[in-house]
Each structure stands twice: as C-alpha cells, then as structure tokens.
C-alpha cells in the first residue's frame, strides 16, 4: 500500500482511501498518512529502504500501478520538445470551444482516472474540483479508466519523471485556472528511487522511458531536458504536431511511450511528397500535409522498421488510409471542419488560437 502525506489540494478531501482495484495484477491505492514506524528514540524510521535520506519524500514508497496525486509544477519532463500546435489545439478548445461542457474538464477527469466530466458549474474552474463532477467518483476507477491516465516514474529522491502526458499537463499549466499548483493524479509505471542517478538514467534509456532527441533529430543529454512543464520549457517540434493531427487517419495511438516521436523521426528522414507546401497557419495547407503524411504511413508494410527498432505495426499503422473511408468521411472529415462549423476540427481550433495569439 502506498501512503500520501497530507496535502493542500481540494482533491485530497476525496482521496482519503482509493478502493483496491486489481489492474494487471497490481493493487492501486492511495491511503491517508502512514503511522510512524517503530524505532529507538533519535533514530529515523526506515521508509521503504530510504532511511539514509535526510528528508523522506512522499512518493518513495509508490509501487507500479499506484495512483499518486501530484502538483504539476513538480513533475520532470522526459523529452526536450513538444508539438506546440497540439497544445494550441487544446488551449483553443478550452478557451474558444463550442462544447456544452468545456473540454478541459473532460481532459482533467480522464487524466485523473475518472473518464470524463458529467457536469460543471457555470463558473467552474480546474483548480476547484468541487465546481465540476467527473463521471466516475474517486475509488470507483475501472481498468479502462486507469489505463487512460498519464504516467510517471519515481526517480532518485522521490522525483517525478513524466513518461506520458507532457502536452496535456502543459496545456493545464498554461490556463488561468491551471498553473504549476494545479493537482492531478498520475499512474506509477515504476519506482526507481533506490537507484543512483547514473543507473536510473541507464534504466530509463533501456526501457525507452526517455526521449533524447531534439526537434531537429539531434541527440541531447539528460542534463538538457526541461525542468518543468510549460510551453516556454520545450522546443517546438512541428512533426510531432503533424503526427498528432494524423491520429486515426494513418495510425492509431497506443501505449508505446513517445510513439509520435518515433514516427516523427521517420518523417524527418523520409520527407514524403506534399510536405513542401505545408503552411502551419493555413487550414488547407495543413490538411494537405496531414494527408501526405498519413498516406505515406499506410503505404508502409506493417513489418517495416520505422525508427528505433519499432515497426509500423508496433506503432499502430492502419491497414488503410482514413481507416478505409473517403476523404469526406471518418476522421479526416472531422479534422477538416473549419472553426465556423458547429463542431470545428482540431486544426481549426489550433489555427484560431494561434491567430488570437498573433493579435494580442
């Protein structure tokens, strides 16, 4: 069982005890403060083998599968770049959206293991979880809802290394009702806090839980990784954005960490025809680039090695472009909808938000 120390978060009132949920053989739990361990007066009690550390950290005892509540300003990125246009889509959807319930509450609930938002007060805010309600209450998570959560590895000293969710947490960070103090739960992939730092990074590299190439494909050192989330911390990788908009048109997003970065490295090397006309501020030009990319993906053999030893099949390539649907159907049709539509496409939101930034 993993214990959280008392927290200032509004979420803490509902996070006293997470009901035991078996997921892939792991029991997910987040109980209240642990009782003091026995020991002679004046001696520090052992904390999961970390009794030599001067100040026990709250995540040192986390086990794989545990759900831990974090302050997003405390997580450490494991990649040097983001697709800024993906974040602009999310921010556009959150601030210019036409949804009945603001999409930011859906995304927060999904990230927190609670599926999506069921309702929200007129003045609801992300930093006030009592102002909106998620579909699943805390303690009633399912294997499916937990699988959709963002993930973290516990590193030396109890540090939190984010292995999935950089775009989502950065989007929350950039919102007026978000920021560094916003709290969210993440699912623990592994606890490597006992490893010395060099061995920790060796393990992270071996497990492919860190991406050490910049937006131009050049190798970077772990010391060059950002210290926090937030747009200003990350270089912009336009290929990473392009891959995001190509989801379910050329490939399906899966559970492999940095999936789009593997595809992006392949894209950077192959440069399919059609990308020369890619205008990141024009809907038609952007759609043309997405179409060129995704048609090049689906033309690959499933056994073709894309990058880093990963095959097209492992990276979710679809058997047919747009899942076999015509251009005016399926995901490509959804992506093509302009901002004037009742349900704009992701690209339209990204472009509308960027236009707003240019006007400010």
Protein backbone atom coordinates (compact mmCIF):
# COMPACT_ATOMS: atom_id res chain seq x y z
CA UNK A 1 0.00 0.00 0.00
CA UNK A 2 1.21 3.50 -0.78
CA UNK A 3 0.56 6.43 1.53
CA UNK A 4 0.31 10.08 0.65
CA UNK A 5 1.27 12.70 3.19
CA UNK A 6 -1.40 15.34 3.96
CA UNK A 7 -1.89 17.66 1.01
CA UNK A 8 -3.28 21.14 0.49
CA UNK A 9 -5.19 20.01 -2.60
CA UNK A 10 -9.01 20.32 -2.79
CA UNK A 11 -8.83 16.82 -4.25
CA UNK A 12 -7.40 15.49 -1.01
CA UNK A 13 -10.78 15.53 0.71
CA UNK A 14 -11.96 12.86 -1.73
CA UNK A 15 -8.67 10.97 -1.90
CA UNK A 16 -8.56 9.57 1.64
CA UNK A 17 -8.65 5.96 0.53
CA UNK A 18 -8.71 4.69 -3.05
CA UNK A 19 -10.59 1.39 -3.14
CA UNK A 20 -8.39 -1.57 -4.04
CA UNK A 21 -8.67 -2.15 -7.78
CA UNK A 22 -6.88 -5.03 -9.46
CA UNK A 23 -5.31 -3.90 -12.72
CA UNK A 24 -2.83 -6.20 -14.44
CA UNK A 25 -2.08 -7.82 -11.10
CA UNK A 26 -1.39 -4.54 -9.29
CA UNK A 27 -3.48 -3.09 -6.47
CA UNK A 28 -3.98 0.64 -6.96
CA UNK A 29 -4.14 2.55 -3.72
CA UNK A 30 -3.64 5.95 -2.17
CA UNK A 31 -4.25 5.82 1.56
CA UNK A 32 -4.01 8.50 4.23
CA UNK A 33 -0.85 9.39 6.20
CA UNK A 34 1.17 6.41 7.37
CA UNK A 35 1.67 5.82 11.07
CA UNK A 36 5.18 6.32 12.38
CA UNK A 37 7.43 3.29 12.12
CA UNK A 38 8.86 1.93 15.39
CA UNK A 39 12.46 2.68 16.25
CA UNK A 40 14.78 3.80 19.00
CA UNK A 41 14.41 7.46 20.11
CA UNK A 42 16.50 9.80 17.99
CA UNK A 43 16.73 7.40 15.03
CA UNK A 44 14.90 7.93 11.74
CA UNK A 45 12.48 5.12 10.90
CA UNK A 46 13.11 3.19 7.69
CA UNK A 47 10.97 4.31 4.75
CA UNK A 48 10.96 1.56 2.11
CA UNK A 49 14.74 1.25 2.31
CA UNK A 50 15.36 5.01 2.09
CA UNK A 51 16.37 5.54 5.73
CA UNK A 52 19.66 7.23 4.70
CA UNK A 53 17.87 10.16 3.09
CA UNK A 54 17.66 13.31 5.23
CA UNK A 55 14.01 14.08 4.38
CA UNK A 56 11.63 11.30 3.34
CA UNK A 57 9.69 12.21 0.21
CA UNK A 58 6.01 11.42 -0.21
CA UNK A 59 6.42 9.23 -3.32
CA UNK A 60 9.30 6.99 -2.19
CA UNK A 61 7.03 4.06 -1.35
CA UNK A 62 4.91 4.20 -4.53
CA UNK A 63 4.55 0.91 -6.36
CA UNK A 64 3.80 0.22 -10.04
CA UNK A 65 0.09 0.73 -10.58
CA UNK A 66 -0.37 3.18 -7.69
CA UNK A 67 -2.23 6.40 -8.42
CA UNK A 68 -0.41 9.38 -6.93
CA UNK A 69 -1.66 12.93 -6.61
CA UNK A 70 0.93 15.47 -7.79
CA UNK A 71 1.41 19.18 -8.20
CA UNK A 72 2.05 19.55 -11.92
CA UNK A 73 4.83 22.04 -11.26
CA UNK A 74 6.75 19.22 -9.57
CA UNK A 75 6.87 16.75 -12.48
CA UNK A 76 10.06 16.42 -14.53
CA UNK A 77 9.77 16.07 -18.33
CA UNK A 78 11.46 13.20 -20.14
CA UNK A 79 11.50 14.81 -23.59
CA UNK A 80 13.08 18.07 -24.85
CA UNK A 81 10.32 19.19 -27.22
CA UNK A 82 6.58 19.34 -27.76
CA UNK A 83 4.33 19.76 -30.74
CA UNK A 84 3.29 23.32 -29.90
CA UNK A 85 0.35 23.16 -32.31
CA UNK A 86 -1.09 20.24 -30.35
CA UNK A 87 -1.02 22.40 -27.21
CA UNK A 88 -2.53 25.29 -29.19
CA UNK A 89 -5.38 22.99 -30.24
CA UNK A 90 -6.07 22.10 -26.61
CA UNK A 91 -5.87 25.72 -25.49
CA UNK A 92 -8.10 26.77 -28.38
CA UNK A 93 -10.62 24.09 -27.45
CA UNK A 94 -10.51 25.18 -23.80
CA UNK A 95 -10.81 28.92 -24.43
CA UNK A 96 -12.69 29.19 -27.76
CA UNK A 97 -14.61 25.93 -27.57
CA UNK A 98 -18.19 25.25 -28.54
CA UNK A 99 -18.70 22.24 -26.26
CA UNK A 100 -21.62 22.09 -23.86
CA UNK A 101 -19.15 21.23 -21.07
CA UNK A 102 -15.69 22.73 -21.50
CA UNK A 103 -13.32 20.07 -22.86
CA UNK A 104 -10.74 20.95 -20.21
CA UNK A 105 -12.92 19.28 -17.57
CA UNK A 106 -13.20 16.14 -19.71
CA UNK A 107 -9.43 16.06 -20.08
CA UNK A 108 -8.84 16.63 -16.36
CA UNK A 109 -11.29 13.84 -15.44
CA UNK A 110 -9.73 11.44 -17.95
CA UNK A 111 -6.22 12.21 -16.71
CA UNK A 112 -7.42 11.71 -13.14
CA UNK A 113 -8.81 8.24 -13.93
CA UNK A 114 -12.46 9.35 -13.88
CA UNK A 115 -13.39 9.04 -17.60
CA UNK A 116 -14.91 12.47 -18.44
CA UNK A 117 -16.86 15.36 -16.97
CA UNK A 118 -20.50 14.70 -16.10
CA UNK A 119 -21.37 18.31 -15.26
CA UNK A 120 -19.77 21.65 -14.45
CA UNK A 121 -20.97 24.77 -12.65
CA UNK A 122 -21.25 27.97 -14.76
CA UNK A 123 -18.16 29.36 -13.03
CA UNK A 124 -16.32 26.04 -12.73
CA UNK A 125 -12.52 26.11 -12.55
CA UNK A 126 -9.88 23.40 -12.89
CA UNK A 127 -8.28 24.50 -9.64
CA UNK A 128 -11.60 23.91 -7.84
CA UNK A 129 -12.56 20.24 -8.40
CA UNK A 130 -15.69 20.78 -6.30
CA UNK A 131 -17.02 23.03 -9.09
CA UNK A 132 -17.32 20.16 -11.59
CA UNK A 133 -18.09 16.45 -11.39
CA UNK A 134 -16.48 13.54 -13.18
CA UNK A 135 -18.35 10.52 -14.47
CA UNK A 136 -16.61 8.11 -12.08
CA UNK A 137 -16.14 9.02 -8.41
CA UNK A 138 -12.68 8.54 -6.92
CA UNK A 139 -12.49 4.97 -5.68
CA UNK A 140 -14.64 3.56 -8.49
CA UNK A 141 -11.97 3.52 -11.20
CA UNK A 142 -12.02 0.73 -13.77
CA UNK A 143 -9.11 -0.91 -15.60
CA UNK A 144 -10.13 1.11 -18.67
CA UNK A 145 -10.24 4.45 -16.85
CA UNK A 146 -6.88 3.79 -15.18
CA UNK A 147 -5.29 2.77 -18.49
CA UNK A 148 -6.17 6.21 -19.93
CA UNK A 149 -4.26 8.06 -17.20
CA UNK A 150 -0.92 9.79 -17.76
CA UNK A 151 2.12 8.06 -16.32
CA UNK A 152 5.13 8.75 -14.14
CA UNK A 153 8.32 7.00 -12.98
CA UNK A 154 9.54 7.67 -9.44
CA UNK A 155 13.19 8.68 -9.61
CA UNK A 156 16.00 9.34 -7.12
CA UNK A 157 14.87 11.23 -4.05
CA UNK A 158 11.22 10.66 -4.93
CA UNK A 159 11.37 12.91 -8.01
CA UNK A 160 8.52 12.53 -10.51
CA UNK A 161 9.52 11.83 -14.11
CA UNK A 162 6.62 12.15 -16.53
CA UNK A 163 6.61 9.42 -19.21
CA UNK A 164 3.28 10.32 -20.85
CA UNK A 165 1.19 13.48 -20.65
CA UNK A 166 3.60 16.31 -21.50
CA UNK A 167 1.12 18.00 -23.85
CA UNK A 168 -1.85 17.61 -21.53
CA UNK A 169 -0.07 18.85 -18.40
CA UNK A 170 1.50 21.72 -20.34
CA UNK A 171 -1.97 22.72 -21.56
CA UNK A 172 -3.25 22.71 -17.97
CA UNK A 173 -0.18 24.70 -16.90
CA UNK A 174 -0.92 27.44 -19.45
CA UNK A 175 -4.53 28.02 -18.33
CA UNK A 176 -5.53 30.85 -15.95
CA UNK A 177 -7.25 28.27 -13.70
CA UNK A 178 -4.34 25.85 -14.04
CA UNK A 179 -0.70 26.69 -13.43
CA UNK A 180 2.07 24.99 -11.51
CA UNK A 181 -0.05 24.47 -8.37
CA UNK A 182 -2.80 22.53 -10.15
CA UNK A 183 -3.02 18.99 -8.82
CA UNK A 184 -3.79 15.81 -10.73
CA UNK A 185 -3.30 12.09 -10.27
CA UNK A 186 -0.83 10.07 -12.33
CA UNK A 187 -0.32 6.32 -12.61
CA UNK A 188 3.06 4.98 -11.47
CA UNK A 189 4.86 2.88 -14.09
CA UNK A 190 7.87 2.02 -11.93
CA UNK A 191 9.67 3.11 -8.78
CA UNK A 192 13.40 3.54 -9.43
CA UNK A 193 14.05 5.80 -6.47
CA UNK A 194 16.64 3.45 -4.95
CA UNK A 195 18.92 3.67 -7.98
CA UNK A 196 21.81 6.14 -8.05
CA UNK A 197 21.27 8.76 -10.70
CA UNK A 198 23.57 7.25 -13.42
CA UNK A 199 21.90 3.84 -13.09
CA UNK A 200 18.48 5.48 -13.02
CA UNK A 201 19.09 7.09 -16.41
CA UNK A 202 20.57 3.86 -17.78
CA UNK A 203 17.34 2.10 -16.85
CA UNK A 204 15.17 4.89 -18.28
CA UNK A 205 17.03 4.65 -21.59
CA UNK A 206 16.85 0.85 -21.65
CA UNK A 207 13.09 0.91 -21.06
CA UNK A 208 12.64 3.74 -23.63
CA UNK A 209 11.02 5.92 -20.97
CA UNK A 210 13.00 8.98 -22.07
CA UNK A 211 13.31 10.67 -25.49
CA UNK A 212 16.77 12.14 -26.04
CA UNK A 213 16.49 13.75 -29.47
CA UNK A 214 15.66 17.40 -30.05
CA UNK A 215 13.22 18.89 -32.56
CA UNK A 216 15.85 18.61 -35.32
CA UNK A 217 16.67 14.99 -34.56
CA UNK A 218 19.96 15.72 -32.78
CA UNK A 219 20.93 13.80 -29.64
CA UNK A 220 20.63 15.60 -26.31
CA UNK A 221 21.93 14.74 -22.85
CA UNK A 222 19.65 14.09 -19.89
CA UNK A 223 21.00 17.29 -18.34
CA UNK A 224 19.44 19.25 -21.20
CA UNK A 225 15.90 18.06 -20.51
CA UNK A 226 13.44 20.72 -19.27
CA UNK A 227 12.98 21.05 -15.53
CA UNK A 228 9.23 21.68 -15.67
CA UNK A 229 6.22 21.57 -17.97
CA UNK A 230 5.00 24.71 -19.77
CA UNK A 231 5.36 25.87 -23.37
CA UNK A 232 8.37 28.04 -22.62
CA UNK A 233 10.29 24.98 -21.39
CA UNK A 234 10.05 22.99 -24.64
CA UNK A 235 11.33 23.43 -28.18
CA UNK A 236 8.66 23.19 -30.86
CA UNK A 237 8.70 20.02 -32.97
CA UNK A 238 6.27 20.63 -35.87
CA UNK A 239 6.47 16.99 -36.98
CA UNK A 240 5.20 15.92 -33.55
CA UNK A 241 2.17 18.18 -34.06
CA UNK A 242 1.59 16.82 -37.56
CA UNK A 243 1.55 13.28 -36.19
CA UNK A 244 -0.97 14.25 -33.53
CA UNK A 245 -3.40 15.54 -36.16
CA UNK A 246 -2.87 12.35 -38.17
CA UNK A 247 -4.22 10.10 -35.42
CA UNK A 248 -6.79 7.56 -36.63
CA UNK A 249 -6.11 8.61 -40.23
CA UNK A 250 -2.69 6.99 -40.75
CA UNK A 251 -2.17 5.25 -37.41
CA UNK A 252 -3.84 4.64 -34.07
CA UNK A 253 -2.39 6.00 -30.84
CA UNK A 254 -1.35 3.21 -28.47
CA UNK A 255 0.58 2.63 -25.27
CA UNK A 256 4.17 2.87 -26.55
CA UNK A 257 5.85 5.91 -24.93
CA UNK A 258 6.91 8.57 -27.44
CA UNK A 259 5.00 6.83 -30.24
CA UNK A 260 4.61 10.02 -32.28
CA UNK A 261 8.28 10.87 -31.85
CA UNK A 262 9.29 7.58 -33.49
CA UNK A 263 7.00 8.42 -36.41
CA UNK A 264 8.33 11.99 -36.42
CA UNK A 265 11.92 10.75 -36.75
CA UNK A 266 10.87 8.64 -39.73
CA UNK A 267 9.03 11.61 -41.21
CA UNK A 268 12.08 13.84 -40.79
CA UNK A 269 14.20 11.31 -42.67
CA UNK A 270 11.78 10.39 -45.47
CA UNK A 271 10.06 13.74 -46.17
CA UNK A 272 7.05 12.36 -48.11
CA UNK A 273 5.89 14.33 -51.14
CA UNK A 274 3.41 17.05 -50.24
CA UNK A 275 5.11 18.42 -47.14
CA UNK A 276 6.83 21.16 -49.14
CA UNK A 277 3.51 23.02 -49.27
CA UNK A 278 2.89 22.67 -45.55
CA UNK A 279 1.66 26.02 -44.21
CA UNK A 280 1.17 25.73 -40.46
CA UNK A 281 -1.11 28.80 -40.46
CA UNK A 282 -3.44 27.70 -43.26
CA UNK A 283 -6.14 25.04 -42.87
CA UNK A 284 -5.95 23.74 -46.45
CA UNK A 285 -2.14 23.62 -46.38
CA UNK A 286 -2.08 21.87 -43.01
CA UNK A 287 -4.69 19.33 -44.16
CA UNK A 288 -2.59 18.63 -47.25
CA UNK A 289 0.42 17.86 -45.06
CA UNK A 290 -1.64 15.56 -42.81
CA UNK A 291 -2.93 13.74 -45.90
CA UNK A 292 0.58 13.33 -47.34
CA UNK A 293 1.95 12.04 -44.05
CA UNK A 294 -0.84 9.58 -43.34
CA UNK A 295 -0.93 8.18 -46.88
CA UNK A 296 2.83 7.59 -46.64
CA UNK A 297 2.27 5.77 -43.33
CA UNK A 298 -0.42 3.45 -44.65
CA UNK A 299 1.70 2.66 -47.72
CA UNK A 300 4.30 1.02 -45.44
CA UNK A 301 4.46 -2.70 -44.86
CA UNK A 302 3.36 -3.44 -41.26
CA UNK A 303 6.76 -5.07 -40.72
CA UNK A 304 8.74 -2.07 -41.97
CA UNK A 305 11.06 -0.64 -39.31
CA UNK A 306 10.09 2.97 -38.69
CA UNK A 307 12.65 4.11 -36.10
CA UNK A 308 14.45 2.79 -33.03
CA UNK A 309 13.68 -0.79 -33.98
CA UNK A 310 9.93 -0.13 -33.84
CA UNK A 311 7.87 -1.48 -36.73
CA UNK A 312 4.90 0.22 -38.38
CA UNK A 313 2.65 -2.42 -36.82
CA UNK A 314 4.02 -1.74 -33.31
CA UNK A 315 3.46 1.96 -33.89
CA UNK A 316 -0.19 1.47 -34.80
CA UNK A 317 -0.21 1.89 -38.59
CA UNK A 318 -3.69 1.48 -40.10
CA UNK A 319 -4.37 -1.08 -42.81
CA UNK A 320 -6.00 1.58 -44.99
CA UNK A 321 -5.83 5.37 -45.15
CA UNK A 322 -8.55 7.08 -43.05
CA UNK A 323 -9.49 3.58 -41.91
CA UNK A 324 -10.84 2.83 -45.37
CA UNK A 325 -13.22 5.80 -45.51
CA UNK A 326 -13.47 8.52 -48.17
CA UNK A 327 -11.94 11.97 -47.62
CA UNK A 328 -15.35 13.43 -46.71
CA UNK A 329 -15.94 10.74 -44.09
CA UNK A 330 -14.28 9.49 -40.93
CA UNK A 331 -11.50 11.20 -39.00
CA UNK A 332 -10.15 13.16 -41.96
CA UNK A 333 -13.55 14.76 -42.47
CA UNK A 334 -13.74 15.66 -38.76
CA UNK A 335 -10.25 17.18 -38.91
CA UNK A 336 -11.24 19.23 -42.00
CA UNK A 337 -14.12 21.13 -40.37
CA UNK A 338 -13.47 24.91 -40.13
CA UNK A 339 -13.92 26.97 -36.98
CA UNK A 340 -17.25 28.29 -38.29
CA UNK A 341 -18.68 24.76 -38.06
CA UNK A 342 -20.76 23.83 -35.01
CA UNK A 343 -18.12 21.20 -34.22
CA UNK A 344 -14.79 22.56 -35.50
CA UNK A 345 -11.90 20.22 -36.21
CA UNK A 346 -8.73 20.11 -34.13
CA UNK A 347 -6.76 22.04 -36.73
CA UNK A 348 -9.35 24.82 -36.81
CA UNK A 349 -9.04 25.27 -33.05
CA UNK A 350 -5.25 25.33 -33.23
CA UNK A 351 -5.25 27.93 -36.01
CA UNK A 352 -7.89 30.08 -34.27
CA UNK A 353 -5.86 30.09 -31.08
CA UNK A 354 -2.64 30.97 -32.92
CA UNK A 355 -4.43 33.80 -34.72
CA UNK A 356 -5.59 35.12 -31.37
CA UNK A 357 -2.01 35.00 -30.07
CA UNK A 358 -0.85 36.97 -33.11
CA UNK A 359 -3.47 39.65 -32.41
CA UNK A 360 -2.53 40.04 -28.74
